[in-house]
Amino acid sequence: MKNPQLLKGLLEGCILKLISDGETYGYELVENLKKYGFRDISEGTVYPLLIRLKKNKLLNSKDRESPYGPKRKYYSLSEEGEKELESFYRTWRELCNVIDLIFKDYEGGEH
């Protein structure tokens, strides 16, 4: 995905969705995002978002021991995070429907 401004808004919703699938930590989240196609995503992009989502009370976190080194911070959705995820998804579906209508007869650059 090449549009960084568009990506910022979508990434938050995608992060909430992935966390709703089960507790996860930052590095694992980055790897999952890459697996889904966010190839250029980095920890430097994701960690500030996690901090902001936690500050906004959308995430809970717990520190847990790791067999591979220092403790890891595991994230889960708070009740507010669940509501935000639902709101994001509703808005996303509405937006997709509108864009599909606008582009229904678009032939990919042909006029």
N, C-alpha and C. Protein backbone atom coordinates (compact mmCIF):
# COMPACT_ATOMS: atom_id res chain seq x y z
N MET A 1 0.86 -1.17 0.00
CA MET A 1 0.00 0.00 0.00
C MET A 1 0.90 1.22 0.00
N LYS A 2 0.68 2.12 -0.92
CA LYS A 2 1.60 3.23 -1.15
C LYS A 2 1.15 4.56 -0.55
N ASN A 3 -0.09 4.70 -0.11
CA ASN A 3 -0.59 5.97 0.39
C ASN A 3 -0.49 6.01 1.92
N PRO A 4 0.54 6.70 2.47
CA PRO A 4 0.73 6.67 3.93
C PRO A 4 -0.41 7.30 4.72
N GLN A 5 -1.05 8.33 4.19
CA GLN A 5 -2.14 8.96 4.93
C GLN A 5 -3.34 8.02 5.04
N LEU A 6 -3.66 7.36 3.97
CA LEU A 6 -4.76 6.39 3.99
C LEU A 6 -4.41 5.22 4.90
N LEU A 7 -3.17 4.79 4.83
CA LEU A 7 -2.71 3.66 5.63
C LEU A 7 -2.86 3.92 7.13
N LYS A 8 -2.51 5.12 7.58
CA LYS A 8 -2.57 5.44 9.01
C LYS A 8 -3.96 5.20 9.58
N GLY A 9 -4.97 5.68 8.88
CA GLY A 9 -6.33 5.52 9.37
C GLY A 9 -6.80 4.08 9.38
N LEU A 10 -6.39 3.32 8.39
CA LEU A 10 -6.83 1.93 8.29
C LEU A 10 -6.09 1.01 9.24
N LEU A 11 -4.85 1.33 9.50
CA LEU A 11 -4.01 0.48 10.32
C LEU A 11 -4.56 0.31 11.73
N GLU A 12 -5.08 1.39 12.29
CA GLU A 12 -5.65 1.32 13.64
C GLU A 12 -6.76 0.27 13.71
N GLY A 13 -7.68 0.32 12.75
CA GLY A 13 -8.77 -0.65 12.72
C GLY A 13 -8.27 -2.07 12.52
N CYS A 14 -7.27 -2.24 11.67
CA CYS A 14 -6.69 -3.57 11.44
C CYS A 14 -6.02 -4.10 12.69
N ILE A 15 -5.33 -3.23 13.41
CA ILE A 15 -4.67 -3.63 14.66
C ILE A 15 -5.72 -4.06 15.68
N LEU A 16 -6.79 -3.29 15.81
CA LEU A 16 -7.85 -3.66 16.75
C LEU A 16 -8.43 -5.03 16.39
N LYS A 17 -8.64 -5.26 15.09
CA LYS A 17 -9.21 -6.55 14.67
C LYS A 17 -8.27 -7.70 14.99
N LEU A 18 -6.99 -7.56 14.68
CA LEU A 18 -6.04 -8.64 14.96
C LEU A 18 -5.94 -8.92 16.45
N ILE A 19 -5.97 -7.87 17.27
CA ILE A 19 -5.91 -8.07 18.72
C ILE A 19 -7.19 -8.73 19.21
N SER A 20 -8.32 -8.44 18.57
CA SER A 20 -9.58 -9.06 18.99
C SER A 20 -9.56 -10.57 18.76
N ASP A 21 -8.70 -11.05 17.88
CA ASP A 21 -8.58 -12.49 17.61
C ASP A 21 -7.87 -13.22 18.74
N GLY A 22 -7.22 -12.50 19.62
CA GLY A 22 -6.51 -13.10 20.75
C GLY A 22 -5.35 -12.23 21.18
N GLU A 23 -4.99 -12.33 22.45
CA GLU A 23 -3.88 -11.53 22.97
C GLU A 23 -2.64 -11.69 22.09
N THR A 24 -1.94 -10.60 21.90
CA THR A 24 -0.75 -10.63 21.08
C THR A 24 0.22 -9.55 21.54
N TYR A 25 1.45 -9.66 21.12
CA TYR A 25 2.47 -8.66 21.47
C TYR A 25 2.92 -7.96 20.18
N GLY A 26 3.63 -6.87 20.33
CA GLY A 26 3.95 -6.00 19.21
C GLY A 26 4.61 -6.68 18.02
N TYR A 27 5.69 -7.41 18.26
CA TYR A 27 6.40 -8.04 17.15
C TYR A 27 5.50 -9.04 16.41
N GLU A 28 4.74 -9.82 17.15
CA GLU A 28 3.82 -10.78 16.55
C GLU A 28 2.77 -10.06 15.70
N LEU A 29 2.31 -8.92 16.19
CA LEU A 29 1.34 -8.11 15.46
C LEU A 29 1.93 -7.62 14.14
N VAL A 30 3.16 -7.14 14.17
CA VAL A 30 3.84 -6.69 12.95
C VAL A 30 3.94 -7.84 11.95
N GLU A 31 4.32 -9.01 12.42
CA GLU A 31 4.45 -10.17 11.53
C GLU A 31 3.10 -10.56 10.93
N ASN A 32 2.03 -10.49 11.71
CA ASN A 32 0.69 -10.80 11.19
C ASN A 32 0.27 -9.78 10.14
N LEU A 33 0.54 -8.51 10.39
CA LEU A 33 0.21 -7.48 9.41
C LEU A 33 0.96 -7.72 8.10
N LYS A 34 2.22 -8.09 8.19
CA LYS A 34 3.00 -8.40 6.99
C LYS A 34 2.41 -9.59 6.26
N LYS A 35 1.99 -10.59 7.02
CA LYS A 35 1.40 -11.80 6.42
C LYS A 35 0.14 -11.45 5.62
N TYR A 36 -0.62 -10.46 6.09
CA TYR A 36 -1.85 -10.05 5.41
C TYR A 36 -1.60 -9.08 4.26
N GLY A 37 -0.35 -8.66 4.06
CA GLY A 37 -0.06 -7.82 2.90
C GLY A 37 0.52 -6.45 3.20
N PHE A 38 0.63 -6.07 4.46
CA PHE A 38 1.27 -4.81 4.82
C PHE A 38 2.79 -5.04 4.84
N ARG A 39 3.37 -5.26 3.67
CA ARG A 39 4.77 -5.68 3.57
C ARG A 39 5.76 -4.67 4.14
N ASP A 40 5.47 -3.39 4.02
CA ASP A 40 6.42 -2.36 4.45
C ASP A 40 6.21 -1.90 5.88
N ILE A 41 5.33 -2.54 6.62
CA ILE A 41 5.03 -2.12 7.99
C ILE A 41 6.22 -2.45 8.89
N SER A 42 6.46 -1.58 9.86
CA SER A 42 7.59 -1.80 10.77
C SER A 42 7.12 -1.64 12.21
N GLU A 43 7.96 -2.10 13.11
CA GLU A 43 7.68 -1.93 14.53
C GLU A 43 7.61 -0.44 14.87
N GLY A 44 8.40 0.37 14.18
CA GLY A 44 8.39 1.81 14.41
C GLY A 44 7.07 2.47 14.06
N THR A 45 6.27 1.82 13.25
CA THR A 45 4.93 2.31 12.93
C THR A 45 3.91 1.76 13.92
N VAL A 46 4.04 0.50 14.26
CA VAL A 46 3.03 -0.17 15.07
C VAL A 46 3.11 0.21 16.55
N TYR A 47 4.30 0.27 17.12
CA TYR A 47 4.42 0.53 18.56
C TYR A 47 3.81 1.88 18.98
N PRO A 48 4.04 2.97 18.24
CA PRO A 48 3.37 4.22 18.63
C PRO A 48 1.84 4.12 18.58
N LEU A 49 1.32 3.35 17.61
CA LEU A 49 -0.13 3.14 17.55
C LEU A 49 -0.62 2.36 18.77
N LEU A 50 0.12 1.34 19.17
CA LEU A 50 -0.26 0.57 20.36
C LEU A 50 -0.27 1.46 21.60
N ILE A 51 0.73 2.31 21.72
CA ILE A 51 0.80 3.23 22.86
C ILE A 51 -0.40 4.16 22.85
N ARG A 52 -0.74 4.71 21.67
CA ARG A 52 -1.88 5.62 21.58
C ARG A 52 -3.20 4.90 21.88
N LEU A 53 -3.37 3.70 21.34
CA LEU A 53 -4.60 2.94 21.59
C LEU A 53 -4.75 2.62 23.08
N LYS A 54 -3.64 2.30 23.73
CA LYS A 54 -3.68 2.03 25.17
C LYS A 54 -4.00 3.31 25.95
N LYS A 55 -3.37 4.40 25.57
CA LYS A 55 -3.62 5.69 26.22
C LYS A 55 -5.09 6.09 26.09
N ASN A 56 -5.68 5.76 24.94
CA ASN A 56 -7.10 6.08 24.70
C ASN A 56 -8.04 5.02 25.28
N LYS A 57 -7.48 4.10 26.08
CA LYS A 57 -8.24 3.09 26.80
C LYS A 57 -8.95 2.08 25.89
N LEU A 58 -8.38 1.87 24.70
CA LEU A 58 -8.95 0.89 23.78
C LEU A 58 -8.28 -0.47 23.94
N LEU A 59 -7.12 -0.49 24.61
CA LEU A 59 -6.38 -1.73 24.83
C LEU A 59 -6.06 -1.92 26.30
N ASN A 60 -5.99 -3.17 26.70
CA ASN A 60 -5.42 -3.56 27.99
C ASN A 60 -4.06 -4.19 27.68
N SER A 61 -3.16 -4.18 28.66
CA SER A 61 -1.88 -4.84 28.44
C SER A 61 -1.41 -5.54 29.70
N LYS A 62 -0.64 -6.61 29.49
CA LYS A 62 -0.03 -7.37 30.59
C LYS A 62 1.39 -7.71 30.18
N ASP A 63 2.32 -7.56 31.11
CA ASP A 63 3.70 -8.00 30.87
C ASP A 63 3.80 -9.47 31.22
N ARG A 64 4.44 -10.24 30.33
CA ARG A 64 4.63 -11.68 30.56
C ARG A 64 6.06 -12.05 30.26
N GLU A 65 6.53 -13.05 30.97
CA GLU A 65 7.87 -13.57 30.72
C GLU A 65 7.93 -14.17 29.31
N SER A 66 9.11 -14.08 28.71
CA SER A 66 9.34 -14.67 27.40
C SER A 66 10.51 -15.64 27.50
N PRO A 67 10.40 -16.79 26.87
CA PRO A 67 11.54 -17.72 26.90
C PRO A 67 12.71 -17.23 26.05
N TYR A 68 12.49 -16.15 25.29
CA TYR A 68 13.50 -15.66 24.35
C TYR A 68 14.16 -14.36 24.78
N GLY A 69 13.98 -13.94 26.01
CA GLY A 69 14.61 -12.69 26.44
C GLY A 69 13.73 -11.92 27.41
N PRO A 70 13.69 -10.59 27.23
CA PRO A 70 12.94 -9.76 28.18
C PRO A 70 11.43 -10.02 28.11
N LYS A 71 10.73 -9.51 29.12
CA LYS A 71 9.27 -9.65 29.16
C LYS A 71 8.66 -9.04 27.91
N ARG A 72 7.50 -9.57 27.55
CA ARG A 72 6.73 -9.04 26.42
C ARG A 72 5.45 -8.43 26.95
N LYS A 73 5.03 -7.36 26.29
CA LYS A 73 3.76 -6.73 26.64
C LYS A 73 2.69 -7.30 25.70
N TYR A 74 1.73 -8.02 26.29
CA TYR A 74 0.63 -8.61 25.53
C TYR A 74 -0.57 -7.68 25.59
N TYR A 75 -1.21 -7.49 24.44
CA TYR A 75 -2.35 -6.58 24.33
C TYR A 75 -3.64 -7.36 24.10
N SER A 76 -4.71 -6.84 24.69
CA SER A 76 -6.06 -7.35 24.44
C SER A 76 -6.98 -6.14 24.34
N LEU A 77 -8.16 -6.34 23.74
CA LEU A 77 -9.11 -5.23 23.61
C LEU A 77 -9.82 -4.98 24.93
N SER A 78 -9.99 -3.71 25.25
CA SER A 78 -10.84 -3.33 26.38
C SER A 78 -12.28 -3.30 25.87
N GLU A 79 -13.21 -3.05 26.76
CA GLU A 79 -14.61 -2.91 26.34
C GLU A 79 -14.75 -1.75 25.35
N GLU A 80 -14.05 -0.66 25.62
CA GLU A 80 -14.08 0.49 24.70
C GLU A 80 -13.45 0.12 23.35
N GLY A 81 -12.42 -0.71 23.39
CA GLY A 81 -11.79 -1.16 22.16
C GLY A 81 -12.73 -2.00 21.31
N GLU A 82 -13.54 -2.83 21.97
CA GLU A 82 -14.54 -3.63 21.24
C GLU A 82 -15.53 -2.70 20.54
N LYS A 83 -15.98 -1.67 21.24
CA LYS A 83 -16.92 -0.72 20.65
C LYS A 83 -16.29 0.02 19.48
N GLU A 84 -15.03 0.42 19.65
CA GLU A 84 -14.32 1.13 18.58
C GLU A 84 -14.15 0.23 17.35
N LEU A 85 -13.85 -1.04 17.57
CA LEU A 85 -13.70 -1.99 16.47
C LEU A 85 -15.03 -2.13 15.72
N GLU A 86 -16.12 -2.25 16.43
CA GLU A 86 -17.44 -2.34 15.79
C GLU A 86 -17.73 -1.10 14.97
N SER A 87 -17.43 0.07 15.53
CA SER A 87 -17.65 1.33 14.84
C SER A 87 -16.78 1.42 13.58
N PHE A 88 -15.52 1.04 13.71
CA PHE A 88 -14.61 1.06 12.56
C PHE A 88 -15.15 0.16 11.45
N TYR A 89 -15.59 -1.03 11.81
CA TYR A 89 -16.05 -1.98 10.80
C TYR A 89 -17.31 -1.46 10.09
N ARG A 90 -18.25 -0.91 10.86
CA ARG A 90 -19.46 -0.35 10.23
C ARG A 90 -19.09 0.76 9.25
N THR A 91 -18.22 1.66 9.68
CA THR A 91 -17.79 2.77 8.83
C THR A 91 -17.07 2.24 7.59
N TRP A 92 -16.20 1.25 7.78
CA TRP A 92 -15.46 0.67 6.66
C TRP A 92 -16.41 0.05 5.64
N ARG A 93 -17.41 -0.70 6.10
CA ARG A 93 -18.36 -1.33 5.17
C ARG A 93 -19.12 -0.26 4.39
N GLU A 94 -19.57 0.79 5.07
CA GLU A 94 -20.30 1.87 4.39
C GLU A 94 -19.41 2.52 3.33
N LEU A 95 -18.18 2.79 3.69
CA LEU A 95 -17.24 3.42 2.77
C LEU A 95 -16.96 2.52 1.56
N CYS A 96 -16.78 1.25 1.79
CA CYS A 96 -16.56 0.30 0.68
C CYS A 96 -17.74 0.30 -0.27
N ASN A 97 -18.94 0.32 0.27
CA ASN A 97 -20.14 0.33 -0.57
C ASN A 97 -20.20 1.58 -1.44
N VAL A 98 -19.88 2.73 -0.85
CA VAL A 98 -19.90 4.00 -1.59
C VAL A 98 -18.83 3.98 -2.69
N ILE A 99 -17.63 3.55 -2.34
CA ILE A 99 -16.54 3.50 -3.32
C ILE A 99 -16.87 2.52 -4.44
N ASP A 100 -17.45 1.38 -4.09
CA ASP A 100 -17.85 0.41 -5.12
C ASP A 100 -18.86 1.03 -6.09
N LEU A 101 -19.80 1.81 -5.58
CA LEU A 101 -20.77 2.47 -6.45
C LEU A 101 -20.09 3.48 -7.38
N ILE A 102 -19.18 4.25 -6.83
CA ILE A 102 -18.49 5.27 -7.63
C ILE A 102 -17.65 4.61 -8.73
N PHE A 103 -17.00 3.51 -8.41
CA PHE A 103 -16.07 2.86 -9.33
C PHE A 103 -16.68 1.71 -10.13
N LYS A 104 -17.99 1.53 -10.06
CA LYS A 104 -18.61 0.34 -10.66
C LYS A 104 -18.32 0.19 -12.15
N ASP A 105 -18.15 1.29 -12.86
CA ASP A 105 -17.90 1.18 -14.30
C ASP A 105 -16.49 1.64 -14.68
N TYR A 106 -15.60 1.70 -13.72
CA TYR A 106 -14.21 2.12 -13.97
C TYR A 106 -13.44 0.98 -14.60
N GLU A 107 -12.71 1.27 -15.65
CA GLU A 107 -11.98 0.26 -16.40
C GLU A 107 -10.48 0.31 -16.14
N GLY A 108 -10.03 0.95 -15.07
CA GLY A 108 -8.61 0.97 -14.75
C GLY A 108 -7.78 1.87 -15.62
N GLY A 109 -8.16 3.13 -15.72
CA GLY A 109 -7.36 4.10 -16.47
C GLY A 109 -7.89 4.41 -17.85
N GLU A 110 -8.80 3.61 -18.35
CA GLU A 110 -9.39 3.88 -19.66
C GLU A 110 -10.53 4.87 -19.50
N HIS A 111 -10.62 5.82 -20.41
CA HIS A 111 -11.69 6.83 -20.31
C HIS A 111 -12.70 6.65 -21.41
